[in-house]
Protein backbone atom coordinates (compact mmCIF):
# COMPACT_ATOMS: atom_id res chain seq x y z
CA UNK A 1 14.66 -19.52 -29.45
CA UNK A 2 11.86 -20.77 -27.18
CA UNK A 3 13.00 -19.89 -23.27
CA UNK A 4 11.48 -22.90 -21.81
CA UNK A 5 14.70 -24.79 -23.38
CA UNK A 6 17.08 -22.31 -22.18
CA UNK A 7 19.82 -22.75 -19.79
CA UNK A 8 21.80 -19.49 -18.25
CA UNK A 9 24.75 -18.63 -16.27
CA UNK A 10 24.29 -16.13 -13.88
CA UNK A 11 27.21 -13.32 -12.21
CA UNK A 12 25.89 -11.91 -8.58
CA UNK A 13 24.71 -8.63 -9.69
CA UNK A 14 21.52 -10.01 -11.39
CA UNK A 15 20.91 -12.26 -8.78
CA UNK A 16 20.84 -9.58 -6.01
CA UNK A 17 18.99 -6.85 -8.03
CA UNK A 18 16.33 -9.60 -8.48
CA UNK A 19 16.42 -10.35 -4.80
CA UNK A 20 16.15 -7.13 -3.45
CA UNK A 21 13.06 -6.39 -5.53
CA UNK A 22 11.34 -9.77 -4.77
CA UNK A 23 11.76 -10.94 -8.13
CA UNK A 24 13.91 -14.31 -8.23
CA UNK A 25 11.05 -16.32 -9.39
CA UNK A 26 10.91 -14.44 -12.85
CA UNK A 27 14.35 -16.43 -13.53
CA UNK A 28 12.54 -19.84 -12.85
CA UNK A 29 9.93 -18.91 -15.24
CA UNK A 30 11.99 -17.26 -17.99
CA UNK A 31 14.68 -20.33 -18.24
CA UNK A 32 14.77 -24.00 -17.84
CA UNK A 33 17.94 -24.15 -15.94
CA UNK A 34 19.87 -21.45 -14.34
CA UNK A 35 23.54 -22.17 -12.97
CA UNK A 36 25.65 -20.03 -10.86
CA UNK A 37 29.73 -20.48 -10.40
CA UNK A 38 31.00 -21.10 -7.05
CA UNK A 39 32.25 -17.94 -6.73
CA UNK A 40 29.24 -16.09 -7.50
CA UNK A 41 27.43 -18.46 -4.71
CA UNK A 42 29.72 -17.44 -2.36
CA UNK A 43 29.42 -13.32 -3.33
CA UNK A 44 25.68 -13.39 -3.06
CA UNK A 45 25.33 -15.81 0.39
CA UNK A 46 27.69 -13.86 2.96
CA UNK A 47 25.37 -13.67 5.72
CA UNK A 48 26.13 -9.95 6.33
CA UNK A 49 23.80 -9.75 2.97
CA UNK A 50 19.73 -9.06 3.53
CA UNK A 51 18.97 -11.13 0.61
CA UNK A 52 21.49 -13.90 1.69
CA UNK A 53 19.07 -16.66 3.17
CA UNK A 54 16.80 -16.00 -0.37
CA UNK A 55 19.45 -16.63 -2.56
CA UNK A 56 20.73 -19.84 -0.33
CA UNK A 57 17.69 -21.56 -1.32
CA UNK A 58 17.12 -20.08 -4.83
CA UNK A 59 20.76 -21.36 -6.01
CA UNK A 60 20.19 -24.68 -3.84
CA UNK A 61 21.55 -27.17 -6.55
CA UNK A 62 22.43 -24.52 -9.31
CA UNK A 63 26.13 -24.18 -8.26
CA UNK A 64 28.63 -25.48 -10.57
CA UNK A 65 32.76 -25.34 -10.27
CA UNK A 66 34.88 -24.42 -12.90
CA UNK A 67 37.08 -26.60 -14.18
CA UNK A 68 39.52 -24.29 -16.11
CA UNK A 69 40.93 -22.27 -12.95
CA UNK A 70 44.16 -20.72 -14.88
CA UNK A 71 41.50 -19.47 -17.35
CA UNK A 72 39.49 -17.85 -14.39
CA UNK A 73 43.05 -16.45 -13.24
CA UNK A 74 43.80 -14.82 -16.81
CA UNK A 75 40.37 -12.82 -16.51
CA UNK A 76 40.99 -11.68 -12.75
CA UNK A 77 43.27 -8.77 -13.93
CA UNK A 78 40.19 -7.60 -15.70
CA UNK A 79 37.26 -8.57 -13.92
CA UNK A 80 35.49 -9.90 -10.62
CA UNK A 81 35.68 -13.06 -9.54
CA UNK A 82 32.31 -13.77 -9.91
CA UNK A 83 32.10 -12.44 -13.50
CA UNK A 84 35.31 -14.38 -14.58
CA UNK A 85 33.89 -17.66 -13.32
CA UNK A 86 30.65 -17.00 -15.23
CA UNK A 87 32.51 -16.42 -18.22
CA UNK A 88 34.91 -19.68 -18.01
CA UNK A 89 31.94 -21.57 -16.52
CA UNK A 90 29.89 -20.26 -20.15
CA UNK A 91 32.92 -21.81 -21.99
CA UNK A 92 32.79 -24.84 -20.46
CA UNK A 93 29.03 -25.46 -20.68
CA UNK A 94 27.90 -23.61 -23.56
CA UNK A 95 24.76 -22.10 -21.90
CA UNK A 96 22.43 -20.35 -24.26
CA UNK A 97 22.89 -16.81 -22.64
CA UNK A 98 25.30 -15.42 -19.75
CA UNK A 99 23.30 -12.74 -16.99
CA UNK A 100 25.83 -9.92 -16.50
CA UNK A 101 25.40 -6.15 -15.45
CA UNK A 102 28.87 -5.22 -15.22
CA UNK A 103 29.88 -3.77 -18.64
CA UNK A 104 33.39 -4.85 -18.91
CA UNK A 105 32.41 -8.42 -18.13
CA UNK A 106 29.74 -8.01 -20.51
CA UNK A 107 31.70 -6.94 -23.35
CA UNK A 108 34.31 -9.58 -22.72
CA UNK A 109 31.42 -12.64 -22.56
CA UNK A 110 30.16 -10.85 -26.24
CA UNK A 111 33.47 -11.54 -27.60
CA UNK A 112 33.51 -14.81 -26.84
CA UNK A 113 30.73 -15.36 -28.58
CA UNK A 114 27.45 -15.47 -25.70
CA UNK A 115 24.45 -13.84 -25.66
CA UNK A 116 24.36 -11.70 -22.66
CA UNK A 117 21.27 -10.19 -20.71
CA UNK A 118 21.48 -8.03 -17.48
CA UNK A 119 19.03 -7.42 -14.70
CA UNK A 120 17.32 -4.79 -17.19
CA UNK A 121 16.63 -7.23 -19.98
CA UNK A 122 15.62 -9.69 -17.76
CA UNK A 123 12.81 -7.41 -16.42
CA UNK A 124 11.74 -6.16 -19.88
CA UNK A 125 12.03 -9.97 -21.05
CA UNK A 126 9.54 -10.72 -18.33
CA UNK A 127 7.35 -7.68 -19.03
CA UNK A 128 7.18 -8.61 -22.59
CA UNK A 129 6.24 -12.40 -21.32
CA UNK A 130 3.07 -10.93 -18.66
CA UNK A 131 5.34 -11.90 -15.90
CA UNK A 132 5.19 -7.97 -14.69
CA UNK A 133 3.04 -5.39 -15.09
CA UNK A 134 5.67 -2.45 -14.99
CA UNK A 135 9.48 -1.94 -15.05
CA UNK A 136 9.60 1.51 -13.79
CA UNK A 137 8.43 0.87 -10.36
CA UNK A 138 11.21 -1.90 -9.98
CA UNK A 139 13.82 0.30 -11.72
CA UNK A 140 12.90 2.57 -8.83
CA UNK A 141 13.01 0.06 -6.20
CA UNK A 142 16.46 -1.00 -7.26
CA UNK A 143 17.92 2.59 -7.26
CA UNK A 144 16.54 3.16 -4.18
CA UNK A 145 18.52 -0.11 -2.74
CA UNK A 146 21.75 1.82 -4.44
CA UNK A 147 22.01 -0.37 -7.54
CA UNK A 148 23.63 1.76 -10.05
CA UNK A 149 22.01 1.69 -13.23
CA UNK A 150 22.78 4.38 -15.84
CA UNK A 151 20.09 6.96 -16.71
CA UNK A 152 20.66 6.04 -20.52
CA UNK A 153 20.08 2.30 -19.77
CA UNK A 154 16.48 3.19 -17.77
CA UNK A 155 15.69 5.28 -20.63
CA UNK A 156 16.40 2.72 -23.38
CA UNK A 157 14.61 -0.04 -21.30
CA UNK A 158 11.54 2.16 -20.44
CA UNK A 159 11.03 3.09 -24.09
CA UNK A 160 11.05 -0.62 -25.12
CA UNK A 161 8.77 -1.40 -22.39
CA UNK A 162 6.71 1.68 -23.76
CA UNK A 163 6.50 2.96 -20.29
């Protein structure tokens, strides 16, 4: 599928991670449209967050409200508000991809039939398309900013990136 045509719905963590390493622009280059549910917007633009201003600008005009609030309530027993709204919004809007890092939410989205990519997958795609030269320094930067990434995932991604 041509990435230029892709529509994605994002949870908070990929947005925060990319903002922390100054790579939010990758999303605009990889995907035609990026949407974030209201709960995600509210999570990422809290004024105490160092990246809030950047995400307010980035998400301008990209926020959508979920219609099925009941479905969100059901999911809240298992996953966070941002993930729950991202999955329900995906059910309502049928995007090409959902951007989620949380393992439980990823499994749930996959069960619903969605293609799921996380921050590492976005970086790998960006490298494959020549948007970034190296992933390793970006992963180091994320880890230094307290973003948790399992050693196994790092190993898999660096192997796939041939780094």
